[in-house]
Amino acid sequence: MRHTYLLWCVVPLVSGCYLFHGREDSRGADAGSSGPRADAGTTAGRDAGRSIFVDGDVLPDDEPDVMPGERPSDDPSAPEWTDPPPAGSGPCCDVGEVVGLDDPMRQTSAPRVAWDGSEWGVAWSDMSWPTFAGDPLRALFRRLDAGGRPSTDPLVIDGIYTGLEAMAYGNHRFALLTSESAGFRATQLASLAIVDRDGGLRARAYLPDGYGGVAIARDEAIHGWAVVATVPDDNGDSVSQNALLVYDESLAEVARAEVGWAREGDGHAAIVSLKSLLVVASGIGSTTIRVFAPRSLEPVGATDVGALGDQLGGARMRDTVALAGRWYGDSPLRTLVWDPFDERVVAGPTEVAHATGGGGIALAADEVGGTMGLCYPVGGSEARDADGLMFVLLGPDGTPLGEPVLVASGFRYVASCAVGAAGPDTYAVLWWASGGEPPAHHSILAARVTVRR
């Protein structure tokens, strides 16, 4: 068993060596095994910077232009925004049925989720048991309906045999940030892949050689994508430089900037687009918020806001950026709200909960309902990993609205979570219940969370 553990830890881009933690109970309904491969053609070559386009129907393109200085509150939909529910002493939310999304006979990695206006798109990576020979890590895509139930079978995204790092949605398409690495250190290949809502691969471009994917956001100002990536460290130190790269809709790189340092293997950073501004938060000991003009990546400002943690989540909350951070292990979970237009802290840092274990956190915002949802691991002990997942509802200032709710528990190891907002008052929470050799329970699970008013 120890030998297979070591094998997995050097397989490309798994967010930590989590998969061999056993699991006692996943409490997820069987939602079916992996479905057919998406017929999206094949890719060719892996030259860094090369774009690969796949034949298919033209995707819609109706994203409005962004004017200089434009704020999210200038959007025609802004009058639909409502006040958040008042803070109360009872549970903030109701948790729906827990459903399993993956094939229990395969081992998985951390999921991602994004709302496309009518359904959630979810993605993760998996590979077979019990050996890895001839079966590389592959990326899968699936949709959940508005009720949080699977509406499609899992689709293998053709030509993407790499680990999934991040996902974003915009202009009728999903963007997946994937990476491949050799061993524990040198990241060799990372790519930006465009997928339609049926999981079909539409285009793919490779990041510069040696860069590793970290985070991604839709960049409305450039009609493209903004990517945070790690840069190889020539000195062989235990940290890597982070870079911000902007790609237009054709996946051509149009700008690049440095955004600080990150511990290698983590690369933790949050990226948020606010129409005419791009915001990146990163840092090892202390968090620095950097603001850029999207088209040129001209720096607008940089502010050290103190130590939020080495794990970061970020989301746009109307005209502000909300950040959530924690340190690896048992630690407080803090939030901070930043106004990038005035370059000032609006609220925080505020301690909102206490997270346990090494599992990752995630943050999403419902601009219409005026709330934010934050998921984080809990439970376990010094001898055991986190065995449950919590969800806390936050107001626009990053403070809790009602008591957090337990989404699910009874797992061997809650290794990571993802959260997406559908607005108003609706969230999808996904998590990676890592562990156990098959036959096993589901490792990728989801539940719908609705806000109480």
Protein backbone atom coordinates (compact mmCIF):
# COMPACT_ATOMS: atom_id res chain seq x y z
CA MET A 1 0.00 0.00 0.00
CA ARG A 2 2.81 2.36 0.79
CA HIS A 3 4.26 1.91 -2.70
CA THR A 4 1.00 2.77 -4.42
CA TYR A 5 0.69 5.83 -2.21
CA LEU A 6 4.04 7.07 -3.43
CA LEU A 7 3.04 6.40 -7.02
CA TRP A 8 -0.04 8.57 -6.69
CA CYS A 9 1.84 11.46 -5.12
CA VAL A 10 3.93 11.87 -8.26
CA VAL A 11 1.02 11.57 -10.68
CA PRO A 12 0.33 14.90 -12.41
CA LEU A 13 -1.39 17.59 -10.42
CA VAL A 14 -3.33 16.17 -7.61
CA SER A 15 -4.06 18.79 -4.96
CA GLY A 16 -2.17 16.93 -2.24
CA CYS A 17 -1.71 13.23 -1.57
CA TYR A 18 -5.26 12.67 -0.39
CA LEU A 19 -6.59 9.73 -2.32
CA PHE A 20 -5.44 6.93 -0.11
CA HIS A 21 -7.21 8.08 3.01
CA GLY A 22 -9.86 5.47 3.76
CA ARG A 23 -13.52 6.37 3.99
CA GLU A 24 -16.16 4.97 6.28
CA ASP A 25 -19.38 6.38 4.81
CA SER A 26 -20.09 8.74 1.92
CA ARG A 27 -23.86 9.02 2.41
CA GLY A 28 -24.35 9.78 -1.26
CA ALA A 29 -26.98 8.41 -3.62
CA ASP A 30 -25.63 6.41 -6.58
CA ALA A 31 -25.89 8.79 -9.50
CA GLY A 32 -24.36 6.49 -12.10
CA SER A 33 -20.92 5.78 -13.43
CA SER A 34 -18.89 7.61 -16.03
CA GLY A 35 -20.77 8.08 -19.26
CA PRO A 36 -19.58 8.18 -22.86
CA ARG A 37 -16.72 10.29 -24.08
CA ALA A 38 -17.60 13.67 -25.50
CA ASP A 39 -17.14 13.62 -29.27
CA ALA A 40 -15.07 16.77 -29.57
CA GLY A 41 -12.33 15.71 -31.93
CA THR A 42 -8.70 15.25 -30.98
CA THR A 43 -5.93 17.58 -30.01
CA ALA A 44 -2.57 17.86 -31.70
CA GLY A 45 0.79 18.74 -30.25
CA ARG A 46 1.68 20.21 -26.87
CA ASP A 47 3.74 23.22 -27.83
CA ALA A 48 3.58 25.90 -25.13
CA GLY A 49 1.46 28.81 -26.28
CA ARG A 50 -0.12 26.91 -29.16
CA SER A 51 -3.91 27.15 -29.52
CA ILE A 52 -5.84 24.10 -30.63
CA PHE A 53 -9.35 24.68 -31.97
CA VAL A 54 -11.88 21.93 -32.45
CA ASP A 55 -14.56 21.81 -35.11
CA GLY A 56 -18.12 22.41 -33.99
CA ASP A 57 -20.99 24.86 -34.00
CA VAL A 58 -20.08 28.44 -33.20
CA LEU A 59 -20.82 29.32 -29.58
CA PRO A 60 -22.99 32.38 -28.94
CA ASP A 61 -21.16 35.65 -28.36
CA ASP A 62 -23.32 38.37 -26.82
CA GLU A 63 -21.14 39.66 -23.97
CA PRO A 64 -21.46 43.47 -23.78
CA ASP A 65 -18.41 45.71 -23.93
CA VAL A 66 -16.99 47.13 -20.70
CA MET A 67 -16.28 50.84 -20.45
CA PRO A 68 -13.22 52.25 -18.59
CA GLY A 69 -14.04 52.70 -14.92
CA GLU A 70 -17.23 50.63 -15.18
CA ARG A 71 -18.38 48.94 -11.98
CA PRO A 72 -20.61 45.89 -11.53
CA SER A 73 -23.29 48.21 -10.12
CA ASP A 74 -23.43 49.93 -13.54
CA ASP A 75 -24.83 46.74 -15.08
CA PRO A 76 -28.48 46.92 -16.24
CA SER A 77 -29.26 43.95 -13.98
CA ALA A 78 -28.07 45.76 -10.83
CA PRO A 79 -31.56 47.09 -9.91
CA GLU A 80 -32.52 43.43 -9.26
CA TRP A 81 -30.16 43.31 -6.29
CA THR A 82 -31.94 42.86 -2.95
CA ASP A 83 -30.98 43.18 0.70
CA PRO A 84 -29.56 40.10 2.43
CA PRO A 85 -31.64 38.37 5.11
CA PRO A 86 -31.17 39.76 8.62
CA ALA A 87 -28.68 38.03 10.89
CA GLY A 88 -30.46 35.59 13.21
CA SER A 89 -29.72 32.98 15.83
CA GLY A 90 -31.06 30.00 13.89
CA PRO A 91 -29.56 27.98 11.03
CA CYS A 92 -28.77 30.11 8.00
CA CYS A 93 -29.85 27.62 5.39
CA ASP A 94 -31.45 24.34 4.41
CA VAL A 95 -29.37 21.51 2.95
CA GLY A 96 -30.88 19.34 0.24
CA GLU A 97 -30.24 15.74 -0.75
CA VAL A 98 -26.63 14.61 -1.04
CA VAL A 99 -25.92 13.00 -4.41
CA GLY A 100 -22.86 11.20 -5.72
CA LEU A 101 -21.49 12.34 -9.06
CA ASP A 102 -18.50 10.13 -9.86
CA ASP A 103 -17.78 6.48 -10.60
CA PRO A 104 -17.07 4.84 -7.21
CA MET A 105 -14.67 2.41 -8.91
CA ARG A 106 -12.29 5.22 -9.88
CA GLN A 107 -10.25 7.58 -7.72
CA THR A 108 -10.80 11.28 -8.06
CA SER A 109 -9.45 14.74 -7.29
CA ALA A 110 -10.92 18.08 -6.21
CA PRO A 111 -14.13 19.24 -7.98
CA ARG A 112 -15.00 22.66 -9.45
CA VAL A 113 -18.41 24.22 -10.06
CA ALA A 114 -19.80 27.22 -11.98
CA TRP A 115 -23.34 28.46 -12.74
CA ASP A 116 -24.23 28.97 -16.42
CA GLY A 117 -27.51 30.79 -15.95
CA SER A 118 -29.73 27.72 -15.94
CA GLU A 119 -27.65 24.84 -14.55
CA TRP A 120 -24.40 24.18 -12.76
CA GLY A 121 -21.41 22.83 -14.65
CA VAL A 122 -19.17 20.64 -12.51
CA ALA A 123 -15.80 19.13 -13.34
CA TRP A 124 -13.16 16.95 -11.71
CA SER A 125 -10.37 14.52 -12.64
CA ASP A 126 -10.14 10.79 -12.06
CA MET A 127 -8.09 7.70 -12.84
CA SER A 128 -8.55 3.96 -12.44
CA TRP A 129 -7.70 1.56 -9.67
CA PRO A 130 -5.65 -0.35 -8.66
CA THR A 131 -2.70 0.51 -10.91
CA PHE A 132 -2.10 3.57 -13.04
CA ALA A 133 -0.31 1.97 -15.99
CA GLY A 134 -1.78 3.04 -19.32
CA ASP A 135 -4.64 5.00 -17.73
CA PRO A 136 -3.68 8.66 -17.26
CA LEU A 137 -5.52 11.22 -15.21
CA ARG A 138 -8.57 12.44 -17.17
CA ALA A 139 -10.94 15.40 -16.82
CA LEU A 140 -14.72 14.91 -16.60
CA PHE A 141 -17.64 17.31 -16.94
CA ARG A 142 -21.23 17.00 -15.74
CA ARG A 143 -24.24 19.30 -15.32
CA LEU A 144 -26.54 19.65 -12.32
CA ASP A 145 -30.01 21.11 -12.68
CA ALA A 146 -31.28 24.04 -10.63
CA GLY A 147 -32.32 21.59 -7.92
CA GLY A 148 -28.80 20.23 -7.57
CA ARG A 149 -29.55 16.88 -9.23
CA PRO A 150 -27.41 15.50 -12.10
CA SER A 151 -29.00 16.30 -15.47
CA THR A 152 -26.35 14.59 -17.64
CA ASP A 153 -24.05 11.60 -17.38
CA PRO A 154 -20.38 12.35 -16.69
CA LEU A 155 -18.54 13.12 -19.93
CA VAL A 156 -14.82 12.56 -20.41
CA ILE A 157 -13.45 15.70 -22.03
CA ASP A 158 -11.64 14.40 -25.06
CA GLY A 159 -7.95 15.17 -25.25
CA ILE A 160 -7.58 16.44 -21.67
CA TYR A 161 -5.58 13.88 -19.74
CA THR A 162 -4.41 16.20 -17.01
CA GLY A 163 -5.34 17.37 -13.53
CA LEU A 164 -8.07 19.97 -13.17
CA GLU A 165 -6.97 23.09 -11.29
CA ALA A 166 -9.77 25.65 -11.71
CA MET A 167 -12.89 26.46 -13.73
CA ALA A 168 -14.85 29.60 -14.64
CA TYR A 169 -17.87 30.43 -16.80
CA GLY A 170 -18.62 33.34 -19.10
CA ASN A 171 -20.09 34.20 -22.52
CA HIS A 172 -21.77 30.78 -22.94
CA ARG A 173 -18.61 28.75 -22.33
CA PHE A 174 -16.67 27.13 -19.50
CA ALA A 175 -12.91 27.57 -19.16
CA LEU A 176 -10.91 24.81 -17.48
CA LEU A 177 -7.41 25.39 -16.21
CA THR A 178 -5.45 22.13 -16.24
CA SER A 179 -1.86 21.16 -15.49
CA GLU A 180 0.60 18.32 -15.77
CA SER A 181 3.67 17.95 -13.58
CA ALA A 182 6.61 15.63 -13.15
CA GLY A 183 7.38 14.63 -9.58
CA PHE A 184 6.81 16.96 -6.66
CA ARG A 185 8.41 20.10 -8.10
CA ALA A 186 8.73 20.94 -11.78
CA THR A 187 5.40 21.73 -13.42
CA GLN A 188 5.88 21.07 -17.13
CA LEU A 189 2.61 21.76 -18.91
CA ALA A 190 -0.51 23.74 -18.14
CA SER A 191 -3.37 24.52 -20.47
CA LEU A 192 -6.51 26.60 -20.80
CA ALA A 193 -9.36 24.60 -22.32
CA ILE A 194 -12.75 25.91 -23.50
CA VAL A 195 -15.71 23.57 -23.05
CA ASP A 196 -19.33 24.05 -24.08
CA ARG A 197 -22.23 23.30 -21.74
CA ASP A 198 -22.39 19.73 -23.08
CA GLY A 199 -18.79 19.07 -22.10
CA GLY A 200 -17.47 19.30 -25.66
CA LEU A 201 -13.92 20.55 -26.04
CA ARG A 202 -13.95 23.67 -28.25
CA ALA A 203 -10.44 25.06 -27.96
CA ARG A 204 -7.25 24.66 -26.00
CA ALA A 205 -4.07 26.68 -25.53
CA TYR A 206 -0.95 25.82 -23.57
CA LEU A 207 0.52 28.22 -21.06
CA PRO A 208 4.23 29.09 -21.32
CA ASP A 209 6.50 26.13 -20.73
CA GLY A 210 6.95 25.33 -17.05
CA TYR A 211 3.99 27.38 -15.82
CA GLY A 212 1.44 25.72 -13.52
CA GLY A 213 -2.24 26.60 -13.30
CA VAL A 214 -3.65 28.09 -10.09
CA ALA A 215 -6.85 30.14 -10.61
CA ILE A 216 -9.01 31.58 -13.40
CA ALA A 217 -11.72 34.22 -13.88
CA ARG A 218 -13.80 35.48 -16.80
CA ASP A 219 -12.35 38.80 -17.98
CA GLU A 220 -15.28 40.74 -19.41
CA ALA A 221 -13.17 43.77 -20.31
CA ILE A 222 -10.97 41.79 -22.69
CA HIS A 223 -13.72 39.29 -23.64
CA GLY A 224 -11.52 36.47 -22.51
CA TRP A 225 -9.92 34.88 -19.47
CA ALA A 226 -7.52 35.92 -16.70
CA VAL A 227 -5.26 33.20 -15.32
CA VAL A 228 -3.01 33.05 -12.27
CA ALA A 229 -0.13 30.63 -12.77
CA THR A 230 3.04 29.64 -10.98
CA VAL A 231 6.36 30.45 -12.67
CA PRO A 232 9.34 28.07 -12.40
CA ASP A 233 11.87 29.11 -9.79
CA ASP A 234 15.36 29.04 -11.29
CA ASN A 235 17.01 29.04 -7.86
CA GLY A 236 15.44 25.79 -6.75
CA ASP A 237 13.93 27.38 -3.65
CA SER A 238 10.72 26.15 -2.05
CA VAL A 239 8.67 29.03 -3.43
CA SER A 240 7.47 29.98 -6.89
CA GLN A 241 6.63 33.25 -8.54
CA ASN A 242 3.00 33.82 -9.46
CA ALA A 243 2.09 35.42 -12.79
CA LEU A 244 -1.14 36.88 -14.16
CA LEU A 245 -1.85 36.11 -17.82
CA VAL A 246 -4.78 37.43 -19.88
CA TYR A 247 -6.14 35.59 -22.92
CA ASP A 248 -8.68 36.87 -25.44
CA GLU A 249 -11.54 34.78 -26.79
CA SER A 250 -9.26 33.23 -29.41
CA LEU A 251 -6.95 32.11 -26.57
CA ALA A 252 -4.16 34.42 -27.66
CA GLU A 253 -2.14 35.79 -24.74
CA VAL A 254 -2.51 39.58 -24.72
CA ALA A 255 -0.82 40.62 -21.45
CA ARG A 256 1.27 39.28 -18.57
CA ALA A 257 2.29 40.58 -15.14
CA GLU A 258 3.98 39.35 -11.95
CA VAL A 259 1.80 38.99 -8.86
CA GLY A 260 4.09 37.90 -6.03
CA TRP A 261 5.26 34.69 -4.48
CA ALA A 262 3.59 31.48 -3.40
CA ARG A 263 4.79 28.35 -1.66
CA GLU A 264 5.52 25.71 -4.28
CA GLY A 265 2.88 23.02 -4.49
CA ASP A 266 0.27 25.44 -3.15
CA GLY A 267 0.26 28.42 -5.50
CA HIS A 268 -2.75 29.64 -3.56
CA ALA A 269 -4.21 32.81 -5.00
CA ALA A 270 -7.66 34.29 -5.57
CA ILE A 271 -8.57 36.16 -8.76
CA VAL A 272 -11.72 38.25 -9.22
CA SER A 273 -12.91 40.35 -12.16
CA LEU A 274 -14.94 43.51 -11.52
CA LYS A 275 -15.59 44.55 -15.12
CA SER A 276 -13.00 47.32 -15.55
CA LEU A 277 -10.62 45.95 -12.91
CA LEU A 278 -8.84 42.67 -12.17
CA VAL A 279 -7.96 41.81 -8.57
CA VAL A 280 -5.45 39.17 -7.47
CA ALA A 281 -4.81 38.26 -3.83
CA SER A 282 -1.77 36.15 -2.99
CA GLY A 283 1.13 35.82 -0.59
CA ILE A 284 2.95 33.40 1.69
CA GLY A 285 3.14 34.98 5.13
CA SER A 286 0.97 38.01 4.41
CA THR A 287 -1.72 38.60 1.77
CA THR A 288 -1.22 41.30 -0.84
CA ILE A 289 -4.14 42.53 -2.94
CA ARG A 290 -3.09 43.73 -6.39
CA VAL A 291 -5.39 45.64 -8.73
CA PHE A 292 -4.83 45.74 -12.50
CA ALA A 293 -6.38 47.33 -15.56
CA PRO A 294 -7.45 44.19 -17.48
CA ARG A 295 -6.55 45.16 -21.04
CA SER A 296 -2.92 46.13 -20.36
CA LEU A 297 -2.42 44.65 -16.88
CA GLU A 298 -1.13 48.04 -15.86
CA PRO A 299 -0.85 48.01 -12.03
CA VAL A 300 -3.45 50.19 -10.34
CA GLY A 301 -2.40 49.47 -6.77
CA ALA A 302 -1.03 46.91 -4.30
CA THR A 303 -1.94 46.71 -0.60
CA ASP A 304 -0.75 44.35 2.12
CA VAL A 305 -3.82 43.44 4.19
CA GLY A 306 -2.07 41.14 6.66
CA ALA A 307 -2.06 37.39 7.14
CA LEU A 308 -5.29 35.76 5.96
CA GLY A 309 -3.79 32.29 5.49
CA ASP A 310 -2.05 30.09 2.96
CA GLN A 311 -5.39 28.89 1.59
CA LEU A 312 -7.46 31.60 -0.10
CA GLY A 313 -10.89 31.87 -1.69
CA GLY A 314 -12.28 34.94 -3.43
CA ALA A 315 -15.53 36.18 -4.97
CA ARG A 316 -17.04 39.34 -6.41
CA MET A 317 -19.69 40.83 -4.15
CA ARG A 318 -21.22 43.64 -6.21
CA ASP A 319 -18.57 46.42 -6.30
CA THR A 320 -16.21 44.72 -3.84
CA VAL A 321 -13.98 41.68 -3.57
CA ALA A 322 -14.54 39.26 -0.70
CA LEU A 323 -11.68 37.05 0.47
CA ALA A 324 -11.68 34.07 2.83
CA GLY A 325 -8.47 32.58 4.20
CA ARG A 326 -7.15 29.99 6.61
CA TRP A 327 -3.92 28.25 7.46
CA TYR A 328 -3.35 24.57 6.74
CA GLY A 329 -4.43 22.51 9.74
CA ASP A 330 -6.71 23.57 12.59
CA SER A 331 -7.10 27.32 12.29
CA PRO A 332 -9.56 30.22 12.31
CA LEU A 333 -11.34 31.04 9.07
CA ARG A 334 -11.25 34.77 8.33
CA THR A 335 -12.92 37.04 5.79
CA LEU A 336 -11.99 40.43 4.41
CA VAL A 337 -13.90 42.72 2.04
CA TRP A 338 -11.93 45.03 -0.27
CA ASP A 339 -13.05 47.93 -2.44
CA PRO A 340 -10.69 47.94 -5.47
CA PHE A 341 -12.12 51.18 -6.88
CA ASP A 342 -11.24 53.15 -3.75
CA GLU A 343 -8.43 50.77 -2.70
CA ARG A 344 -9.57 50.33 0.88
CA VAL A 345 -10.67 47.64 3.30
CA VAL A 346 -14.44 47.76 3.70
CA ALA A 347 -14.66 45.19 6.48
CA GLY A 348 -12.45 42.71 8.32
CA PRO A 349 -10.44 40.71 8.84
CA THR A 350 -13.31 38.95 10.60
CA GLU A 351 -13.13 35.49 12.16
CA VAL A 352 -16.25 33.64 11.02
CA ALA A 353 -15.58 29.99 11.84
CA HIS A 354 -12.93 27.43 12.73
CA ALA A 355 -11.75 24.93 10.11
CA THR A 356 -9.86 21.69 10.75
CA GLY A 357 -7.52 19.45 8.79
CA GLY A 358 -5.84 20.18 5.49
CA GLY A 359 -8.90 20.36 3.27
CA GLY A 360 -9.36 23.37 1.02
CA ILE A 361 -12.04 26.06 1.33
CA ALA A 362 -14.18 27.81 -1.31
CA LEU A 363 -16.21 31.03 -1.51
CA ALA A 364 -18.99 32.15 -3.87
CA ALA A 365 -21.24 35.21 -3.95
CA ASP A 366 -24.91 35.71 -4.82
CA GLU A 367 -24.98 39.32 -5.94
CA VAL A 368 -28.77 39.31 -6.42
CA GLY A 369 -29.54 38.08 -2.90
CA GLY A 370 -26.67 39.92 -1.25
CA THR A 371 -25.11 36.87 0.39
CA MET A 372 -21.96 34.78 0.14
CA GLY A 373 -21.49 31.07 0.78
CA LEU A 374 -18.32 29.61 2.28
CA CYS A 375 -17.59 25.89 2.64
CA TYR A 376 -14.88 24.45 4.90
CA PRO A 377 -13.86 21.11 6.49
CA VAL A 378 -14.56 20.27 10.14
CA GLY A 379 -14.33 17.39 12.57
CA GLY A 380 -11.67 14.79 12.96
CA SER A 381 -8.94 15.01 15.58
CA GLU A 382 -5.17 15.16 15.89
CA ALA A 383 -5.10 11.52 14.81
CA ARG A 384 -7.81 11.81 12.11
CA ASP A 385 -8.46 14.04 9.15
CA ALA A 386 -11.50 16.31 8.87
CA ASP A 387 -14.59 14.14 8.45
CA GLY A 388 -17.35 16.69 7.76
CA LEU A 389 -18.20 19.74 5.70
CA MET A 390 -19.78 22.99 6.89
CA PHE A 391 -21.41 25.89 5.06
CA VAL A 392 -21.61 29.39 6.51
CA LEU A 393 -23.71 32.18 4.98
CA LEU A 394 -22.12 35.63 4.96
CA GLY A 395 -23.41 39.12 4.35
CA PRO A 396 -21.78 41.68 2.04
CA ASP A 397 -19.44 42.68 4.88
CA GLY A 398 -18.20 39.11 5.36
CA THR A 399 -19.94 38.50 8.70
CA PRO A 400 -22.14 35.43 9.32
CA LEU A 401 -25.89 35.55 8.75
CA GLY A 402 -27.32 32.89 11.05
CA GLU A 403 -25.63 29.73 12.29
CA PRO A 404 -23.48 27.61 9.94
CA VAL A 405 -25.03 24.33 8.77
CA LEU A 406 -23.51 20.88 8.50
CA VAL A 407 -23.69 19.80 4.86
CA ALA A 408 -22.56 16.20 5.45
CA SER A 409 -20.41 14.12 7.80
CA GLY A 410 -19.16 10.61 8.45
CA PHE A 411 -16.32 10.60 5.90
CA ARG A 412 -12.77 9.38 6.26
CA TYR A 413 -11.33 12.59 4.80
CA VAL A 414 -12.99 15.72 3.42
CA ALA A 415 -10.09 16.85 1.25
CA SER A 416 -11.56 19.81 -0.64
CA CYS A 417 -14.80 21.62 -1.44
CA ALA A 418 -16.27 23.89 -4.10
CA VAL A 419 -19.26 26.22 -3.99
CA GLY A 420 -21.24 28.00 -6.71
CA ALA A 421 -24.03 30.57 -6.48
CA ALA A 422 -27.15 30.55 -8.67
CA GLY A 423 -28.93 33.53 -7.11
CA PRO A 424 -31.14 34.41 -5.54
CA ASP A 425 -30.58 32.43 -2.35
CA THR A 426 -29.34 29.20 -3.96
CA TYR A 427 -25.93 27.54 -3.76
CA ALA A 428 -24.43 24.26 -4.92
CA VAL A 429 -21.78 22.74 -2.64
CA LEU A 430 -19.46 20.00 -3.86
CA TRP A 431 -16.77 18.16 -1.96
CA TRP A 432 -14.08 15.57 -2.41
CA ALA A 433 -14.45 12.74 0.11
CA SER A 434 -11.03 11.27 -0.52
CA GLY A 435 -10.01 7.78 0.42
CA GLY A 436 -10.46 4.07 0.26
CA GLU A 437 -9.73 1.47 -2.37
CA PRO A 438 -12.75 0.22 -4.33
CA PRO A 439 -15.33 -1.09 -4.06
CA ALA A 440 -16.00 2.25 -2.44
CA HIS A 441 -18.59 4.96 -2.08
CA HIS A 442 -18.70 8.11 -4.16
CA SER A 443 -15.79 10.52 -3.79
CA ILE A 444 -17.37 13.53 -5.54
CA LEU A 445 -20.60 14.59 -3.86
CA ALA A 446 -22.97 17.54 -4.14
CA ALA A 447 -25.83 19.15 -2.26
CA ARG A 448 -28.05 22.15 -2.88
CA VAL A 449 -28.10 24.76 -0.11
CA THR A 450 -30.92 27.32 0.08
CA VAL A 451 -30.97 30.48 2.20
CA ARG A 452 -33.60 30.91 4.89
CA ARG A 453 -35.39 34.29 4.88
